[in-house]
Amino acid sequence: MNGTQSLTDEALDAVSLERNRQEKLKRAGKFNWSCADSSTTISDFSSVAAIGHAGRLAVLAEEFGEVARHVAETLISSSRYDQRELKKELIQVAAVAVAWIEAIDAELELLEPETQKEERAALSRGIAAAASESTK
């Protein structure tokens, strides 16, 4: 850890770097989709449906499984313990979770403008009705 950055900042930086690496691998064709993909990034809605929360959960479970495997191997033989490898796997778990959050946020952004429009219209109707009542 350097003097200006906390352990949390360093961990979050590592997660951010891993997220960027995941997207580079997708662009290079290693993956057809990432957990960050949503209807805002995929034009084929059947692909979005195929990914869904279940697909994202499967990816997250696979990454978590790598952590579990590493810990189990350590229990079997302490000579297999590699703290750096465990850290790498935990960073991947966090990065997949962040990607999933990104997809949810992208979907929410699609919904929020419409909701805001409806709220503004309702407010306008209320103001117009109040104005109409005050002129009677």
C-alpha atoms as a PDB file:
ATOM      1  CA  MET A   1       0.000   0.000   0.000  1.00  0.00           C
ATOM      2  CA  ASN A   2       1.329   3.422  -0.829  1.00  0.00           C
ATOM      3  CA  GLY A   3       1.023   6.347   1.569  1.00  0.00           C
ATOM      4  CA  THR A   4      -1.891   8.066  -0.165  1.00  0.00           C
ATOM      5  CA  GLN A   5      -4.126   5.114  -0.978  1.00  0.00           C
ATOM      6  CA  SER A   6      -6.063   2.985   1.502  1.00  0.00           C
ATOM      7  CA  LEU A   7      -6.360  -0.779   1.256  1.00  0.00           C
ATOM      8  CA  THR A   8      -9.990  -0.303   0.195  1.00  0.00           C
ATOM      9  CA  ASP A   9      -8.961   2.064  -2.607  1.00  0.00           C
ATOM     10  CA  GLU A  10      -6.363  -0.432  -3.797  1.00  0.00           C
ATOM     11  CA  ALA A  11      -8.897  -3.281  -3.740  1.00  0.00           C
ATOM     12  CA  LEU A  12     -11.466  -1.220  -5.664  1.00  0.00           C
ATOM     13  CA  ASP A  13      -8.802  -0.195  -8.194  1.00  0.00           C
ATOM     14  CA  ALA A  14      -7.975  -3.873  -8.717  1.00  0.00           C
ATOM     15  CA  VAL A  15     -11.671  -4.655  -9.256  1.00  0.00           C
ATOM     16  CA  SER A  16     -11.915  -1.811 -11.777  1.00  0.00           C
ATOM     17  CA  LEU A  17      -8.884  -3.107 -13.668  1.00  0.00           C
ATOM     18  CA  GLU A  18     -10.429  -6.583 -13.738  1.00  0.00           C
ATOM     19  CA  ARG A  19     -13.727  -5.170 -15.077  1.00  0.00           C
ATOM     20  CA  ASN A  20     -11.802  -3.474 -17.876  1.00  0.00           C
ATOM     21  CA  ARG A  21      -9.947  -6.733 -18.596  1.00  0.00           C
ATOM     22  CA  GLN A  22     -13.242  -8.630 -18.804  1.00  0.00           C
ATOM     23  CA  GLU A  23     -14.626  -6.172 -21.351  1.00  0.00           C
ATOM     24  CA  LYS A  24     -11.407  -6.347 -23.408  1.00  0.00           C
ATOM     25  CA  LEU A  25     -11.701 -10.138 -23.486  1.00  0.00           C
ATOM     26  CA  LYS A  26     -15.311  -9.824 -24.668  1.00  0.00           C
ATOM     27  CA  ARG A  27     -14.297  -7.394 -27.412  1.00  0.00           C
ATOM     28  CA  ALA A  28     -11.531  -9.812 -28.440  1.00  0.00           C
ATOM     29  CA  GLY A  29     -14.179 -12.511 -28.875  1.00  0.00           C
ATOM     30  CA  LYS A  30     -13.372 -14.707 -25.861  1.00  0.00           C
ATOM     31  CA  PHE A  31     -16.929 -14.208 -24.535  1.00  0.00           C
ATOM     32  CA  ASN A  32     -20.191 -13.599 -26.396  1.00  0.00           C
ATOM     33  CA  TRP A  33     -21.460 -11.387 -23.563  1.00  0.00           C
ATOM     34  CA  SER A  34     -20.485 -10.050 -20.181  1.00  0.00           C
ATOM     35  CA  CYS A  35     -22.516  -9.681 -17.019  1.00  0.00           C
ATOM     36  CA  ALA A  36     -22.618  -5.935 -17.736  1.00  0.00           C
ATOM     37  CA  ASP A  37     -24.552  -6.436 -20.982  1.00  0.00           C
ATOM     38  CA  SER A  38     -28.168  -5.328 -20.964  1.00  0.00           C
ATOM     39  CA  SER A  39     -30.807  -4.292 -23.440  1.00  0.00           C
ATOM     40  CA  THR A  40     -28.918  -1.007 -23.705  1.00  0.00           C
ATOM     41  CA  THR A  41     -25.819  -2.782 -25.039  1.00  0.00           C
ATOM     42  CA  ILE A  42     -27.315  -5.753 -26.919  1.00  0.00           C
ATOM     43  CA  SER A  43     -29.680  -5.150 -29.794  1.00  0.00           C
ATOM     44  CA  ASP A  44     -30.879  -8.775 -29.863  1.00  0.00           C
ATOM     45  CA  PHE A  45     -33.378  -8.994 -27.008  1.00  0.00           C
ATOM     46  CA  SER A  46     -33.304 -12.816 -27.105  1.00  0.00           C
ATOM     47  CA  SER A  47     -29.634 -12.615 -26.104  1.00  0.00           C
ATOM     48  CA  VAL A  48     -30.510 -10.326 -23.216  1.00  0.00           C
ATOM     49  CA  ALA A  49     -33.185 -12.754 -22.094  1.00  0.00           C
ATOM     50  CA  ALA A  50     -30.729 -15.645 -22.368  1.00  0.00           C
ATOM     51  CA  ILE A  51     -28.239 -13.798 -20.184  1.00  0.00           C
ATOM     52  CA  GLY A  52     -30.706 -12.551 -17.605  1.00  0.00           C
ATOM     53  CA  HIS A  53     -30.124 -12.837 -13.902  1.00  0.00           C
ATOM     54  CA  ALA A  54     -29.780 -16.623 -14.134  1.00  0.00           C
ATOM     55  CA  GLY A  55     -26.925 -16.355 -16.630  1.00  0.00           C
ATOM     56  CA  ARG A  56     -25.188 -13.732 -14.532  1.00  0.00           C
ATOM     57  CA  LEU A  57     -25.656 -15.851 -11.427  1.00  0.00           C
ATOM     58  CA  ALA A  58     -24.053 -18.792 -13.223  1.00  0.00           C
ATOM     59  CA  VAL A  59     -20.985 -16.687 -14.027  1.00  0.00           C
ATOM     60  CA  LEU A  60     -20.784 -15.367 -10.474  1.00  0.00           C
ATOM     61  CA  ALA A  61     -21.196 -18.909  -9.097  1.00  0.00           C
ATOM     62  CA  GLU A  62     -18.378 -20.137 -11.326  1.00  0.00           C
ATOM     63  CA  GLU A  63     -16.071 -17.405 -10.044  1.00  0.00           C
ATOM     64  CA  PHE A  64     -17.120 -18.033  -6.428  1.00  0.00           C
ATOM     65  CA  GLY A  65     -16.507 -21.732  -7.067  1.00  0.00           C
ATOM     66  CA  GLU A  66     -12.912 -20.905  -7.951  1.00  0.00           C
ATOM     67  CA  VAL A  67     -12.531 -19.227  -4.545  1.00  0.00           C
ATOM     68  CA  ALA A  68     -14.111 -22.247  -2.841  1.00  0.00           C
ATOM     69  CA  ARG A  69     -11.840 -24.647  -4.744  1.00  0.00           C
ATOM     70  CA  HIS A  70      -8.788 -22.663  -3.728  1.00  0.00           C
ATOM     71  CA  VAL A  71      -9.792 -22.639  -0.059  1.00  0.00           C
ATOM     72  CA  ALA A  72     -10.669 -26.370  -0.136  1.00  0.00           C
ATOM     73  CA  GLU A  73      -7.307 -27.224  -1.696  1.00  0.00           C
ATOM     74  CA  THR A  74      -5.630 -25.235   1.053  1.00  0.00           C
ATOM     75  CA  LEU A  75      -7.449 -27.334   3.656  1.00  0.00           C
ATOM     76  CA  ILE A  76      -6.222 -30.506   1.959  1.00  0.00           C
ATOM     77  CA  SER A  77      -2.643 -29.351   1.649  1.00  0.00           C
ATOM     78  CA  SER A  78      -1.268 -26.164   3.155  1.00  0.00           C
ATOM     79  CA  SER A  79       1.541 -26.291   0.578  1.00  0.00           C
ATOM     80  CA  ARG A  80      -1.055 -25.303  -2.056  1.00  0.00           C
ATOM     81  CA  TYR A  81      -1.898 -22.051  -0.259  1.00  0.00           C
ATOM     82  CA  ASP A  82      -1.264 -19.058  -2.476  1.00  0.00           C
ATOM     83  CA  GLN A  83      -2.629 -15.839  -1.042  1.00  0.00           C
ATOM     84  CA  ARG A  84      -2.041 -13.963  -4.321  1.00  0.00           C
ATOM     85  CA  GLU A  85      -4.101 -16.508  -6.265  1.00  0.00           C
ATOM     86  CA  LEU A  86      -6.916 -16.296  -3.709  1.00  0.00           C
ATOM     87  CA  LYS A  87      -6.851 -12.500  -3.973  1.00  0.00           C
ATOM     88  CA  LYS A  88      -7.012 -12.724  -7.785  1.00  0.00           C
ATOM     89  CA  GLU A  89     -10.065 -14.989  -7.599  1.00  0.00           C
ATOM     90  CA  LEU A  90     -11.805 -12.711  -5.076  1.00  0.00           C
ATOM     91  CA  ILE A  91     -11.160  -9.722  -7.351  1.00  0.00           C
ATOM     92  CA  GLN A  92     -12.813 -11.639 -10.195  1.00  0.00           C
ATOM     93  CA  VAL A  93     -15.846 -12.377  -7.997  1.00  0.00           C
ATOM     94  CA  ALA A  94     -16.140  -8.677  -7.134  1.00  0.00           C
ATOM     95  CA  ALA A  95     -15.699  -7.631 -10.774  1.00  0.00           C
ATOM     96  CA  VAL A  96     -18.484  -9.970 -11.933  1.00  0.00           C
ATOM     97  CA  ALA A  97     -20.758  -8.586  -9.207  1.00  0.00           C
ATOM     98  CA  VAL A  98     -19.922  -5.042 -10.334  1.00  0.00           C
ATOM     99  CA  ALA A  99     -20.692  -5.971 -13.949  1.00  0.00           C
ATOM    100  CA  TRP A 100     -24.084  -7.313 -12.866  1.00  0.00           C
ATOM    101  CA  ILE A 101     -24.755  -4.057 -11.005  1.00  0.00           C
ATOM    102  CA  GLU A 102     -23.806  -2.125 -14.159  1.00  0.00           C
ATOM    103  CA  ALA A 103     -26.408  -4.093 -16.146  1.00  0.00           C
ATOM    104  CA  ILE A 104     -29.080  -3.416 -13.533  1.00  0.00           C
ATOM    105  CA  ASP A 105     -28.213   0.287 -13.505  1.00  0.00           C
ATOM    106  CA  ALA A 106     -28.403   0.439 -17.311  1.00  0.00           C
ATOM    107  CA  GLU A 107     -31.856  -1.150 -17.219  1.00  0.00           C
ATOM    108  CA  LEU A 108     -32.999   1.224 -14.469  1.00  0.00           C
ATOM    109  CA  GLU A 109     -31.841   4.206 -16.505  1.00  0.00           C
ATOM    110  CA  LEU A 110     -34.171   3.062 -19.279  1.00  0.00           C
ATOM    111  CA  LEU A 111     -37.075   2.968 -16.853  1.00  0.00           C
ATOM    112  CA  GLU A 112     -36.392   6.131 -14.880  1.00  0.00           C
ATOM    113  CA  PRO A 113     -36.836   8.678 -17.668  1.00  0.00           C
ATOM    114  CA  GLU A 114     -40.318   7.305 -18.426  1.00  0.00           C
ATOM    115  CA  THR A 115     -41.202   7.346 -14.740  1.00  0.00           C
ATOM    116  CA  GLN A 116     -39.964  10.905 -14.475  1.00  0.00           C
ATOM    117  CA  LYS A 117     -42.050  11.892 -17.500  1.00  0.00           C
ATOM    118  CA  GLU A 118     -45.151  10.415 -15.893  1.00  0.00           C
ATOM    119  CA  GLU A 119     -44.427  12.199 -12.612  1.00  0.00           C
ATOM    120  CA  ARG A 120     -43.972  15.517 -14.436  1.00  0.00           C
ATOM    121  CA  ALA A 121     -47.223  15.002 -16.356  1.00  0.00           C
ATOM    122  CA  ALA A 122     -49.093  14.174 -13.148  1.00  0.00           C
ATOM    123  CA  LEU A 123     -47.609  17.235 -11.462  1.00  0.00           C
ATOM    124  CA  SER A 124     -48.605  19.393 -14.432  1.00  0.00           C
ATOM    125  CA  ARG A 125     -52.152  18.020 -14.339  1.00  0.00           C
ATOM    126  CA  GLY A 126     -52.297  18.730 -10.606  1.00  0.00           C
ATOM    127  CA  ILE A 127     -51.038  22.283 -11.068  1.00  0.00           C
ATOM    128  CA  ALA A 128     -53.464  22.880 -13.933  1.00  0.00           C
ATOM    129  CA  ALA A 129     -56.374  21.490 -11.868  1.00  0.00           C
ATOM    130  CA  ALA A 130     -55.398  23.659  -8.892  1.00  0.00           C
ATOM    131  CA  ALA A 131     -55.144  26.726 -11.130  1.00  0.00           C
ATOM    132  CA  SER A 132     -58.527  25.946 -12.644  1.00  0.00           C
ATOM    133  CA  GLU A 133     -60.103  25.620  -9.214  1.00  0.00           C
ATOM    134  CA  SER A 134     -58.630  28.923  -8.012  1.00  0.00           C
ATOM    135  CA  THR A 135     -60.161  30.845 -10.943  1.00  0.00           C
ATOM    136  CA  LYS A 136     -63.696  29.644 -10.237  1.00  0.00           C
END
